[in-house]
Structure formats: structure tokens, C-alpha cells
């Protein structure tokens, strides 16, 4: 299980495995939806950006065993983290910033 399954369920993991990589800009233009709402399968998804970030973390072998959680506020990726995740936080932020549709990445410690 990776971040995608941990945060969004195994159905999303299966969806990601069944569909090749989606060209977010193209899909957003064709379907007239914001890029941050393009899902793993190229369809509208309120949490599309967060799910694509979770998949990117998995693809970059960031362990889901550390305390990281991914959410989105429109096109802003929000990464919440526990102290055990501080060593991978900068890498996670870099990965999130490269996901299509992300305009900003914020990191917030869990309190």
C-alpha cells in the first residue's frame, strides 16, 4: 500500500494502475475543468490534484510509513506532517510542486 491507497483507498490505486498517465492540460482544456480537478483517470475529481500528488509520492518511493498527509485547497497542495516525516518533507514538497495543476505547496505541522 502506498500514499494513494492510504489516503484515498484501494479503488484509487486500481484506477491509477488501469489508466496510463493523463495529460492534465489537454484533459482540462477538452473538458473545460480546472487542472487541479482532473482525476487520475482524466475525469472530473474534486480531489484530483491531491490524488495525483499522492501517486507522485508513491512513484518517487516516499514511504507511506512516515506521517505525511496530502490535501488540496483549489490548486494549492497542503502537506500535513508529523515530526517523523521532516527528513522527507522537502523532497515531498518538491515532488508536489511538479504535479500539473499545483500552483503552490504549503506544509503544516500536525499539532
PDB file of N, CA and C in Angstrom:
ATOM      1  N   UNK A   1       0.844  -1.171   0.000  1.00  0.00           N
ATOM      2  CA  UNK A   1       0.000   0.000   0.000  1.00  0.00           C
ATOM      3  C   UNK A   1       0.892   1.237   0.000  1.00  0.00           C
ATOM      4  N   UNK A   2       0.529   2.223  -0.793  1.00  0.00           N
ATOM      5  CA  UNK A   2       1.259   3.474  -0.845  1.00  0.00           C
ATOM      6  C   UNK A   2       0.404   4.617  -0.327  1.00  0.00           C
ATOM      7  N   UNK A   3       0.860   5.842  -0.561  1.00  0.00           N
ATOM      8  CA  UNK A   3       0.098   7.009  -0.127  1.00  0.00           C
ATOM      9  C   UNK A   3      -1.288   7.045  -0.763  1.00  0.00           C
ATOM     10  N   UNK A   4      -1.351   6.711  -2.034  1.00  0.00           N
ATOM     11  CA  UNK A   4      -2.631   6.782  -2.733  1.00  0.00           C
ATOM     12  C   UNK A   4      -3.669   5.905  -2.045  1.00  0.00           C
ATOM     13  N   UNK A   5      -3.317   4.662  -1.756  1.00  0.00           N
ATOM     14  CA  UNK A   5      -4.245   3.758  -1.060  1.00  0.00           C
ATOM     15  C   UNK A   5      -4.503   4.207   0.368  1.00  0.00           C
ATOM     16  N   UNK A   6      -3.452   4.616   1.049  1.00  0.00           N
ATOM     17  CA  UNK A   6      -3.566   5.023   2.450  1.00  0.00           C
ATOM     18  C   UNK A   6      -4.520   6.201   2.606  1.00  0.00           C
ATOM     19  N   UNK A   7      -4.403   7.181   1.718  1.00  0.00           N
ATOM     20  CA  UNK A   7      -5.183   8.407   1.848  1.00  0.00           C
ATOM     21  C   UNK A   7      -6.547   8.356   1.157  1.00  0.00           C
ATOM     22  N   UNK A   8      -6.635   7.612   0.053  1.00  0.00           N
ATOM     23  CA  UNK A   8      -7.852   7.672  -0.753  1.00  0.00           C
ATOM     24  C   UNK A   8      -8.508   6.324  -1.024  1.00  0.00           C
ATOM     25  N   UNK A   9      -7.889   5.228  -0.592  1.00  0.00           N
ATOM     26  CA  UNK A   9      -8.498   3.910  -0.764  1.00  0.00           C
ATOM     27  C   UNK A   9      -7.921   3.135  -1.932  1.00  0.00           C
ATOM     28  N   UNK A  10      -8.096   1.829  -1.864  1.00  0.00           N
ATOM     29  CA  UNK A  10      -7.535   0.944  -2.887  1.00  0.00           C
ATOM     30  C   UNK A  10      -8.206   1.111  -4.246  1.00  0.00           C
ATOM     31  N   UNK A  11      -9.435   1.644  -4.262  1.00  0.00           N
ATOM     32  CA  UNK A  11     -10.102   1.873  -5.549  1.00  0.00           C
ATOM     33  C   UNK A  11      -9.308   2.861  -6.400  1.00  0.00           C
ATOM     34  N   UNK A  12      -8.742   3.886  -5.748  1.00  0.00           N
ATOM     35  CA  UNK A  12      -7.954   4.880  -6.479  1.00  0.00           C
ATOM     36  C   UNK A  12      -6.646   4.277  -6.976  1.00  0.00           C
ATOM     37  N   UNK A  13      -6.073   3.389  -6.190  1.00  0.00           N
ATOM     38  CA  UNK A  13      -4.849   2.687  -6.612  1.00  0.00           C
ATOM     39  C   UNK A  13      -5.135   1.867  -7.864  1.00  0.00           C
ATOM     40  N   UNK A  14      -6.274   1.173  -7.867  1.00  0.00           N
ATOM     41  CA  UNK A  14      -6.667   0.370  -9.031  1.00  0.00           C
ATOM     42  C   UNK A  14      -6.942   1.270 -10.238  1.00  0.00           C
ATOM     43  N   UNK A  15      -7.583   2.403 -10.005  1.00  0.00           N
ATOM     44  CA  UNK A  15      -7.872   3.352 -11.084  1.00  0.00           C
ATOM     45  C   UNK A  15      -6.570   3.851 -11.710  1.00  0.00           C
ATOM     46  N   UNK A  16      -5.606   4.187 -10.863  1.00  0.00           N
ATOM     47  CA  UNK A  16      -4.320   4.693 -11.355  1.00  0.00           C
ATOM     48  C   UNK A  16      -3.583   3.625 -12.155  1.00  0.00           C
ATOM     49  N   UNK A  17      -3.683   2.380 -11.729  1.00  0.00           N
ATOM     50  CA  UNK A  17      -2.997   1.288 -12.421  1.00  0.00           C
ATOM     51  C   UNK A  17      -3.644   0.974 -13.767  1.00  0.00           C
ATOM     52  N   UNK A  18      -4.942   1.230 -13.886  1.00  0.00           N
ATOM     53  CA  UNK A  18      -5.677   0.879 -15.101  1.00  0.00           C
ATOM     54  C   UNK A  18      -5.550   1.916 -16.210  1.00  0.00           C
ATOM     55  N   UNK A  19      -5.146   3.120 -15.858  1.00  0.00           N
ATOM     56  CA  UNK A  19      -5.114   4.210 -16.832  1.00  0.00           C
ATOM     57  C   UNK A  19      -3.680   4.694 -17.002  1.00  0.00           C
ATOM     58  N   UNK A  20      -3.245   4.855 -18.244  1.00  0.00           N
ATOM     59  CA  UNK A  20      -1.907   5.426 -18.439  1.00  0.00           C
ATOM     60  C   UNK A  20      -1.876   6.875 -17.951  1.00  0.00           C
ATOM     61  N   UNK A  21      -0.716   7.428 -17.877  1.00  0.00           N
ATOM     62  CA  UNK A  21      -0.551   8.803 -17.416  1.00  0.00           C
ATOM     63  C   UNK A  21      -1.445   9.754 -18.212  1.00  0.00           C
ATOM     64  N   UNK A  22      -2.089  10.660 -17.505  1.00  0.00           N
ATOM     65  CA  UNK A  22      -3.039  11.598 -18.103  1.00  0.00           C
ATOM     66  C   UNK A  22      -2.344  12.918 -18.394  1.00  0.00           C
ATOM     67  N   UNK A  23      -2.586  13.479 -19.580  1.00  0.00           N
ATOM     68  CA  UNK A  23      -2.097  14.811 -19.906  1.00  0.00           C
ATOM     69  C   UNK A  23      -3.104  15.807 -19.327  1.00  0.00           C
ATOM     70  N   UNK A  24      -2.792  16.326 -18.163  1.00  0.00           N
ATOM     71  CA  UNK A  24      -3.726  17.155 -17.407  1.00  0.00           C
ATOM     72  C   UNK A  24      -4.147  18.404 -18.181  1.00  0.00           C
ATOM     73  N   UNK A  25      -3.208  19.102 -18.773  1.00  0.00           N
ATOM     74  CA  UNK A  25      -3.536  20.337 -19.502  1.00  0.00           C
ATOM     75  C   UNK A  25      -4.493  20.055 -20.657  1.00  0.00           C
ATOM     76  N   UNK A  26      -4.239  18.990 -21.375  1.00  0.00           N
ATOM     77  CA  UNK A  26      -5.089  18.624 -22.506  1.00  0.00           C
ATOM     78  C   UNK A  26      -6.498  18.253 -22.040  1.00  0.00           C
ATOM     79  N   UNK A  27      -6.567  17.422 -21.016  1.00  0.00           N
ATOM     80  CA  UNK A  27      -7.873  16.995 -20.495  1.00  0.00           C
ATOM     81  C   UNK A  27      -8.638  18.192 -19.946  1.00  0.00           C
ATOM     82  N   UNK A  28      -7.964  19.053 -19.202  1.00  0.00           N
ATOM     83  CA  UNK A  28      -8.615  20.228 -18.625  1.00  0.00           C
ATOM     84  C   UNK A  28      -9.193  21.122 -19.718  1.00  0.00           C
ATOM     85  N   UNK A  29      -8.422  21.293 -20.786  1.00  0.00           N
ATOM     86  CA  UNK A  29      -8.892  22.116 -21.900  1.00  0.00           C
ATOM     87  C   UNK A  29     -10.085  21.467 -22.601  1.00  0.00           C
ATOM     88  N   UNK A  30      -9.966  20.181 -22.906  1.00  0.00           N
ATOM     89  CA  UNK A  30     -11.031  19.467 -23.622  1.00  0.00           C
ATOM     90  C   UNK A  30     -12.326  19.411 -22.825  1.00  0.00           C
ATOM     91  N   UNK A  31     -12.212  19.203 -21.512  1.00  0.00           N
ATOM     92  CA  UNK A  31     -13.407  19.042 -20.680  1.00  0.00           C
ATOM     93  C   UNK A  31     -13.807  20.330 -19.965  1.00  0.00           C
ATOM     94  N   UNK A  32     -13.078  21.398 -20.212  1.00  0.00           N
ATOM     95  CA  UNK A  32     -13.300  22.700 -19.576  1.00  0.00           C
ATOM     96  C   UNK A  32     -13.464  22.587 -18.049  1.00  0.00           C
ATOM     97  N   UNK A  33     -12.492  21.925 -17.439  1.00  0.00           N
ATOM     98  CA  UNK A  33     -12.430  21.848 -15.983  1.00  0.00           C
ATOM     99  C   UNK A  33     -11.059  22.354 -15.537  1.00  0.00           C
ATOM    100  N   UNK A  34     -10.964  22.881 -14.334  1.00  0.00           N
ATOM    101  CA  UNK A  34      -9.664  23.366 -13.861  1.00  0.00           C
ATOM    102  C   UNK A  34      -8.660  22.210 -13.751  1.00  0.00           C
ATOM    103  N   UNK A  35      -7.406  22.454 -14.060  1.00  0.00           N
ATOM    104  CA  UNK A  35      -6.397  21.389 -13.985  1.00  0.00           C
ATOM    105  C   UNK A  35      -6.315  20.719 -12.622  1.00  0.00           C
ATOM    106  N   UNK A  36      -6.566  21.461 -11.544  1.00  0.00           N
ATOM    107  CA  UNK A  36      -6.473  20.861 -10.212  1.00  0.00           C
ATOM    108  C   UNK A  36      -7.637  19.918  -9.903  1.00  0.00           C
ATOM    109  N   UNK A  37      -8.617  19.857 -10.795  1.00  0.00           N
ATOM    110  CA  UNK A  37      -9.754  18.948 -10.586  1.00  0.00           C
ATOM    111  C   UNK A  37      -9.761  17.799 -11.589  1.00  0.00           C
ATOM    112  N   UNK A  38      -8.640  17.587 -12.257  1.00  0.00           N
ATOM    113  CA  UNK A  38      -8.507  16.441 -13.164  1.00  0.00           C
ATOM    114  C   UNK A  38      -8.042  15.248 -12.339  1.00  0.00           C
ATOM    115  N   UNK A  39      -8.811  14.176 -12.399  1.00  0.00           N
ATOM    116  CA  UNK A  39      -8.503  12.986 -11.612  1.00  0.00           C
ATOM    117  C   UNK A  39      -7.480  12.081 -12.268  1.00  0.00           C
ATOM    118  N   UNK A  40      -7.188  11.004 -11.579  1.00  0.00           N
ATOM    119  CA  UNK A  40      -6.209  10.028 -12.051  1.00  0.00           C
ATOM    120  C   UNK A  40      -6.588   9.423 -13.395  1.00  0.00           C
ATOM    121  N   UNK A  41      -7.894   9.331 -13.642  1.00  0.00           N
ATOM    122  CA  UNK A  41      -8.381   8.720 -14.876  1.00  0.00           C
ATOM    123  C   UNK A  41      -8.739   9.750 -15.945  1.00  0.00           C
ATOM    124  N   UNK A  42      -8.455  11.017 -15.682  1.00  0.00           N
ATOM    125  CA  UNK A  42      -8.748  12.065 -16.654  1.00  0.00           C
ATOM    126  C   UNK A  42     -10.152  12.621 -16.549  1.00  0.00           C
ATOM    127  N   UNK A  43     -10.905  12.181 -15.567  1.00  0.00           N
ATOM    128  CA  UNK A  43     -12.252  12.697 -15.359  1.00  0.00           C
ATOM    129  C   UNK A  43     -12.255  13.709 -14.215  1.00  0.00           C
ATOM    130  N   UNK A  44     -13.349  14.464 -14.099  1.00  0.00           N
ATOM    131  CA  UNK A  44     -13.501  15.442 -13.030  1.00  0.00           C
ATOM    132  C   UNK A  44     -13.400  14.753 -11.676  1.00  0.00           C
ATOM    133  N   UNK A  45     -12.626  15.332 -10.763  1.00  0.00           N
ATOM    134  CA  UNK A  45     -12.475  14.796  -9.410  1.00  0.00           C
ATOM    135  C   UNK A  45     -12.139  15.963  -8.487  1.00  0.00           C
ATOM    136  N   UNK A  46     -12.975  16.212  -7.498  1.00  0.00           N
ATOM    137  CA  UNK A  46     -12.749  17.318  -6.545  1.00  0.00           C
ATOM    138  C   UNK A  46     -11.370  17.236  -5.902  1.00  0.00           C
ATOM    139  N   UNK A  47     -10.877  16.023  -5.686  1.00  0.00           N
ATOM    140  CA  UNK A  47      -9.576  15.815  -5.044  1.00  0.00           C
ATOM    141  C   UNK A  47      -8.518  15.351  -6.037  1.00  0.00           C
ATOM    142  N   UNK A  48      -8.715  15.667  -7.299  1.00  0.00           N
ATOM    143  CA  UNK A  48      -7.817  15.185  -8.341  1.00  0.00           C
ATOM    144  C   UNK A  48      -6.358  15.532  -8.124  1.00  0.00           C
ATOM    145  N   UNK A  49      -6.077  16.770  -7.778  1.00  0.00           N
ATOM    146  CA  UNK A  49      -4.689  17.188  -7.567  1.00  0.00           C
ATOM    147  C   UNK A  49      -4.070  16.429  -6.403  1.00  0.00           C
ATOM    148  N   UNK A  50      -4.767  16.344  -5.289  1.00  0.00           N
ATOM    149  CA  UNK A  50      -4.231  15.637  -4.119  1.00  0.00           C
ATOM    150  C   UNK A  50      -3.955  14.173  -4.448  1.00  0.00           C
ATOM    151  N   UNK A  51      -4.829  13.547  -5.210  1.00  0.00           N
ATOM    152  CA  UNK A  51      -4.634  12.141  -5.586  1.00  0.00           C
ATOM    153  C   UNK A  51      -3.433  11.995  -6.513  1.00  0.00           C
ATOM    154  N   UNK A  52      -3.260  12.937  -7.431  1.00  0.00           N
ATOM    155  CA  UNK A  52      -2.103  12.865  -8.325  1.00  0.00           C
ATOM    156  C   UNK A  52      -0.800  13.130  -7.573  1.00  0.00           C
ATOM    157  N   UNK A  53      -0.849  13.988  -6.539  1.00  0.00           N
ATOM    158  CA  UNK A  53       0.330  14.208  -5.699  1.00  0.00           C
ATOM    159  C   UNK A  53       0.648  12.931  -4.914  1.00  0.00           C
ATOM    160  N   UNK A  54      -0.370  12.301  -4.337  1.00  0.00           N
ATOM    161  CA  UNK A  54      -0.154  11.051  -3.592  1.00  0.00           C
ATOM    162  C   UNK A  54       0.477   9.996  -4.497  1.00  0.00           C
ATOM    163  N   UNK A  55      -0.001   9.902  -5.720  1.00  0.00           N
ATOM    164  CA  UNK A  55       0.575   8.944  -6.670  1.00  0.00           C
ATOM    165  C   UNK A  55       2.019   9.312  -6.991  1.00  0.00           C
ATOM    166  N   UNK A  56       2.307  10.597  -7.144  1.00  0.00           N
ATOM    167  CA  UNK A  56       3.681  11.037  -7.426  1.00  0.00           C
ATOM    168  C   UNK A  56       4.618  10.694  -6.260  1.00  0.00           C
ATOM    169  N   UNK A  57       4.127  10.823  -5.039  1.00  0.00           N
ATOM    170  CA  UNK A  57       4.940  10.428  -3.886  1.00  0.00           C
ATOM    171  C   UNK A  57       5.240   8.937  -3.939  1.00  0.00           C
ATOM    172  N   UNK A  58       4.226   8.147  -4.290  1.00  0.00           N
ATOM    173  CA  UNK A  58       4.427   6.696  -4.449  1.00  0.00           C
ATOM    174  C   UNK A  58       5.433   6.410  -5.558  1.00  0.00           C
ATOM    175  N   UNK A  59       5.272   7.085  -6.680  1.00  0.00           N
ATOM    176  CA  UNK A  59       6.160   6.864  -7.831  1.00  0.00           C
ATOM    177  C   UNK A  59       7.610   7.218  -7.510  1.00  0.00           C
ATOM    178  N   UNK A  60       7.807   8.118  -6.535  1.00  0.00           N
ATOM    179  CA  UNK A  60       9.149   8.538  -6.130  1.00  0.00           C
ATOM    180  C   UNK A  60       9.634   7.821  -4.874  1.00  0.00           C
ATOM    181  N   UNK A  61       8.942   6.748  -4.529  1.00  0.00           N
ATOM    182  CA  UNK A  61       9.342   5.871  -3.413  1.00  0.00           C
ATOM    183  C   UNK A  61       9.443   6.570  -2.063  1.00  0.00           C
ATOM    184  N   UNK A  62       8.566   7.538  -1.815  1.00  0.00           N
ATOM    185  CA  UNK A  62       8.473   8.130  -0.490  1.00  0.00           C
ATOM    186  C   UNK A  62       7.630   7.151   0.346  1.00  0.00           C
ATOM    187  N   UNK A  63       8.167   6.701   1.459  1.00  0.00           N
ATOM    188  CA  UNK A  63       7.483   5.700   2.278  1.00  0.00           C
ATOM    189  C   UNK A  63       6.198   6.255   2.876  1.00  0.00           C
ATOM    190  N   UNK A  64       5.134   5.501   2.727  1.00  0.00           N
ATOM    191  CA  UNK A  64       3.859   5.899   3.324  1.00  0.00           C
ATOM    192  C   UNK A  64       3.851   5.644   4.831  1.00  0.00           C
ATOM    193  N   UNK A  65       4.924   5.078   5.346  1.00  0.00           N
ATOM    194  CA  UNK A  65       5.022   4.802   6.782  1.00  0.00           C
ATOM    195  C   UNK A  65       5.308   6.062   7.599  1.00  0.00           C
ATOM    196  N   UNK A  66       5.767   7.136   6.946  1.00  0.00           N
ATOM    197  CA  UNK A  66       6.000   8.387   7.665  1.00  0.00           C
ATOM    198  C   UNK A  66       4.691   9.168   7.753  1.00  0.00           C
ATOM    199  N   UNK A  67       4.623  10.069   8.696  1.00  0.00           N
ATOM    200  CA  UNK A  67       3.405  10.836   8.930  1.00  0.00           C
ATOM    201  C   UNK A  67       3.233  12.001   7.979  1.00  0.00           C
ATOM    202  N   UNK A  68       2.850  11.721   6.746  1.00  0.00           N
ATOM    203  CA  UNK A  68       2.531  12.760   5.752  1.00  0.00           C
ATOM    204  C   UNK A  68       1.093  12.550   5.292  1.00  0.00           C
ATOM    205  N   UNK A  69       0.380  13.649   5.121  1.00  0.00           N
ATOM    206  CA  UNK A  69      -0.963  13.610   4.560  1.00  0.00           C
ATOM    207  C   UNK A  69      -1.050  14.694   3.502  1.00  0.00           C
ATOM    208  N   UNK A  70      -1.778  14.413   2.444  1.00  0.00           N
ATOM    209  CA  UNK A  70      -1.891  15.341   1.326  1.00  0.00           C
ATOM    210  C   UNK A  70      -3.347  15.751   1.146  1.00  0.00           C
ATOM    211  N   UNK A  71      -3.555  17.038   0.996  1.00  0.00           N
ATOM    212  CA  UNK A  71      -4.878  17.577   0.704  1.00  0.00           C
ATOM    213  C   UNK A  71      -4.700  18.705  -0.305  1.00  0.00           C
ATOM    214  N   UNK A  72      -5.806  19.288  -0.704  1.00  0.00           N
ATOM    215  CA  UNK A  72      -5.722  20.432  -1.616  1.00  0.00           C
ATOM    216  C   UNK A  72      -6.783  21.456  -1.260  1.00  0.00           C
ATOM    217  N   UNK A  73      -6.438  22.708  -1.483  1.00  0.00           N
ATOM    218  CA  UNK A  73      -7.367  23.829  -1.410  1.00  0.00           C
ATOM    219  C   UNK A  73      -7.302  24.478  -2.783  1.00  0.00           C
ATOM    220  N   UNK A  74      -8.257  24.142  -3.619  1.00  0.00           N
ATOM    221  CA  UNK A  74      -8.218  24.526  -5.025  1.00  0.00           C
ATOM    222  C   UNK A  74      -6.916  24.011  -5.629  1.00  0.00           C
ATOM    223  N   UNK A  75      -6.044  24.902  -6.099  1.00  0.00           N
ATOM    224  CA  UNK A  75      -4.810  24.450  -6.754  1.00  0.00           C
ATOM    225  C   UNK A  75      -3.604  24.456  -5.810  1.00  0.00           C
ATOM    226  N   UNK A  76      -3.847  24.659  -4.519  1.00  0.00           N
ATOM    227  CA  UNK A  76      -2.778  24.663  -3.517  1.00  0.00           C
ATOM    228  C   UNK A  76      -2.712  23.283  -2.863  1.00  0.00           C
ATOM    229  N   UNK A  77      -1.537  22.680  -2.910  1.00  0.00           N
ATOM    230  CA  UNK A  77      -1.322  21.399  -2.241  1.00  0.00           C
ATOM    231  C   UNK A  77      -0.962  21.680  -0.793  1.00  0.00           C
ATOM    232  N   UNK A  78      -1.637  20.995   0.116  1.00  0.00           N
ATOM    233  CA  UNK A  78      -1.362  21.145   1.543  1.00  0.00           C
ATOM    234  C   UNK A  78      -0.816  19.812   2.050  1.00  0.00           C
ATOM    235  N   UNK A  79       0.407  19.853   2.548  1.00  0.00           N
ATOM    236  CA  UNK A  79       1.035  18.664   3.120  1.00  0.00           C
ATOM    237  C   UNK A  79       1.097  18.856   4.625  1.00  0.00           C
ATOM    238  N   UNK A  80       0.406  17.992   5.346  1.00  0.00           N
ATOM    239  CA  UNK A  80       0.486  17.995   6.807  1.00  0.00           C
ATOM    240  C   UNK A  80       1.461  16.902   7.196  1.00  0.00           C
ATOM    241  N   UNK A  81       2.243  17.157   8.245  1.00  0.00           N
ATOM    242  CA  UNK A  81       3.286  16.202   8.585  1.00  0.00           C
ATOM    243  C   UNK A  81       3.507  16.090  10.086  1.00  0.00           C
ATOM    244  N   UNK A  82       3.977  14.915  10.475  1.00  0.00           N
ATOM    245  CA  UNK A  82       4.411  14.639  11.839  1.00  0.00           C
ATOM    246  C   UNK A  82       5.924  14.809  11.885  1.00  0.00           C
ATOM    247  N   UNK A  83       6.499  14.927  13.089  1.00  0.00           N
ATOM    248  CA  UNK A  83       7.956  15.079  13.192  1.00  0.00           C
ATOM    249  C   UNK A  83       8.752  13.977  12.482  1.00  0.00           C
ATOM    250  N   UNK A  84       8.213  12.751  12.427  1.00  0.00           N
ATOM    251  CA  UNK A  84       8.950  11.657  11.780  1.00  0.00           C
ATOM    252  C   UNK A  84       9.086  11.848  10.275  1.00  0.00           C
ATOM    253  N   UNK A  85       8.339  12.775   9.702  1.00  0.00           N
ATOM    254  CA  UNK A  85       8.372  12.999   8.256  1.00  0.00           C
ATOM    255  C   UNK A  85       9.257  14.176   7.855  1.00  0.00           C
ATOM    256  N   UNK A  86       9.844  14.864   8.822  1.00  0.00           N
ATOM    257  CA  UNK A  86      10.619  16.058   8.494  1.00  0.00           C
ATOM    258  C   UNK A  86      11.785  15.783   7.559  1.00  0.00           C
ATOM    259  N   UNK A  87      12.377  14.586   7.645  1.00  0.00           N
ATOM    260  CA  UNK A  87      13.524  14.286   6.788  1.00  0.00           C
ATOM    261  C   UNK A  87      13.138  14.127   5.314  1.00  0.00           C
ATOM    262  N   UNK A  88      11.880  13.826   5.021  1.00  0.00           N
ATOM    263  CA  UNK A  88      11.450  13.690   3.622  1.00  0.00           C
ATOM    264  C   UNK A  88      10.547  14.835   3.180  1.00  0.00           C
ATOM    265  N   UNK A  89      10.300  15.786   4.076  1.00  0.00           N
ATOM    266  CA  UNK A  89       9.359  16.866   3.780  1.00  0.00           C
ATOM    267  C   UNK A  89       9.784  17.712   2.587  1.00  0.00           C
ATOM    268  N   UNK A  90      11.041  18.116   2.520  1.00  0.00           N
ATOM    269  CA  UNK A  90      11.483  18.961   1.403  1.00  0.00           C
ATOM    270  C   UNK A  90      11.341  18.239   0.067  1.00  0.00           C
ATOM    271  N   UNK A  91      11.698  16.964   0.045  1.00  0.00           N
ATOM    272  CA  UNK A  91      11.537  16.180  -1.182  1.00  0.00           C
ATOM    273  C   UNK A  91      10.060  16.060  -1.553  1.00  0.00           C
ATOM    274  N   UNK A  92       9.211  15.814  -0.568  1.00  0.00           N
ATOM    275  CA  UNK A  92       7.776  15.713  -0.824  1.00  0.00           C
ATOM    276  C   UNK A  92       7.230  17.022  -1.386  1.00  0.00           C
ATOM    277  N   UNK A  93       7.693  18.150  -0.858  1.00  0.00           N
ATOM    278  CA  UNK A  93       7.255  19.453  -1.365  1.00  0.00           C
ATOM    279  C   UNK A  93       7.718  19.665  -2.804  1.00  0.00           C
ATOM    280  N   UNK A  94       8.943  19.264  -3.118  1.00  0.00           N
ATOM    281  CA  UNK A  94       9.452  19.395  -4.488  1.00  0.00           C
ATOM    282  C   UNK A  94       8.630  18.545  -5.454  1.00  0.00           C
ATOM    283  N   UNK A  95       8.329  17.331  -5.049  1.00  0.00           N
ATOM    284  CA  UNK A  95       7.536  16.434  -5.896  1.00  0.00           C
ATOM    285  C   UNK A  95       6.151  17.020  -6.116  1.00  0.00           C
ATOM    286  N   UNK A  96       5.517  17.489  -5.045  1.00  0.00           N
ATOM    287  CA  UNK A  96       4.168  18.059  -5.147  1.00  0.00           C
ATOM    288  C   UNK A  96       4.147  19.275  -6.066  1.00  0.00           C
ATOM    289  N   UNK A  97       5.166  20.107  -5.984  1.00  0.00           N
ATOM    290  CA  UNK A  97       5.219  21.325  -6.803  1.00  0.00           C
ATOM    291  C   UNK A  97       5.307  21.014  -8.289  1.00  0.00           C
ATOM    292  N   UNK A  98       5.786  19.834  -8.638  1.00  0.00           N
ATOM    293  CA  UNK A  98       5.943  19.460 -10.043  1.00  0.00           C
ATOM    294  C   UNK A  98       4.698  18.810 -10.641  1.00  0.00           C
ATOM    295  N   UNK A  99       3.699  18.528  -9.808  1.00  0.00           N
ATOM    296  CA  UNK A  99       2.481  17.894 -10.306  1.00  0.00           C
ATOM    297  C   UNK A  99       1.647  18.936 -11.038  1.00  0.00           C
ATOM    298  N   UNK A 100       1.222  18.573 -12.234  1.00  0.00           N
ATOM    299  CA  UNK A 100       0.446  19.504 -13.061  1.00  0.00           C
ATOM    300  C   UNK A 100      -0.800  19.977 -12.337  1.00  0.00           C
ATOM    301  N   UNK A 101      -1.016  21.282 -12.327  1.00  0.00           N
ATOM    302  CA  UNK A 101      -2.181  21.870 -11.684  1.00  0.00           C
ATOM    303  C   UNK A 101      -1.881  22.492 -10.333  1.00  0.00           C
ATOM    304  N   UNK A 102      -0.722  22.170  -9.762  1.00  0.00           N
ATOM    305  CA  UNK A 102      -0.340  22.738  -8.466  1.00  0.00           C
ATOM    306  C   UNK A 102       0.250  24.128  -8.684  1.00  0.00           C
ATOM    307  N   UNK A 103      -0.291  25.111  -7.983  1.00  0.00           N
ATOM    308  CA  UNK A 103       0.235  26.477  -8.091  1.00  0.00           C
ATOM    309  C   UNK A 103       1.075  26.855  -6.881  1.00  0.00           C
ATOM    310  N   UNK A 104       0.933  26.096  -5.797  1.00  0.00           N
ATOM    311  CA  UNK A 104       1.655  26.381  -4.571  1.00  0.00           C
ATOM    312  C   UNK A 104       1.632  25.122  -3.708  1.00  0.00           C
ATOM    313  N   UNK A 105       2.637  24.990  -2.850  1.00  0.00           N
ATOM    314  CA  UNK A 105       2.676  23.880  -1.886  1.00  0.00           C
ATOM    315  C   UNK A 105       2.886  24.485  -0.504  1.00  0.00           C
ATOM    316  N   UNK A 106       2.010  24.113   0.416  1.00  0.00           N
ATOM    317  CA  UNK A 106       2.125  24.567   1.804  1.00  0.00           C
ATOM    318  C   UNK A 106       2.364  23.347   2.674  1.00  0.00           C
ATOM    319  N   UNK A 107       3.228  23.484   3.653  1.00  0.00           N
ATOM    320  CA  UNK A 107       3.468  22.418   4.617  1.00  0.00           C
ATOM    321  C   UNK A 107       3.048  22.906   5.990  1.00  0.00           C
ATOM    322  N   UNK A 108       2.278  22.083   6.681  1.00  0.00           N
ATOM    323  CA  UNK A 108       1.786  22.443   8.003  1.00  0.00           C
ATOM    324  C   UNK A 108       2.050  21.293   8.954  1.00  0.00           C
ATOM    325  N   UNK A 109       2.691  21.568  10.096  1.00  0.00           N
ATOM    326  CA  UNK A 109       2.880  20.502  11.073  1.00  0.00           C
ATOM    327  C   UNK A 109       1.554  20.122  11.720  1.00  0.00           C
ATOM    328  N   UNK A 110       1.396  18.831  11.996  1.00  0.00           N
ATOM    329  CA  UNK A 110       0.237  18.394  12.775  1.00  0.00           C
ATOM    330  C   UNK A 110       0.456  18.848  14.206  1.00  0.00           C
ATOM    331  N   UNK A 111      -0.592  19.345  14.818  1.00  0.00           N
ATOM    332  CA  UNK A 111      -0.416  19.795  16.199  1.00  0.00           C
ATOM    333  C   UNK A 111      -1.322  19.039  17.130  1.00  0.00           C
TER     334      UNK A 111
END
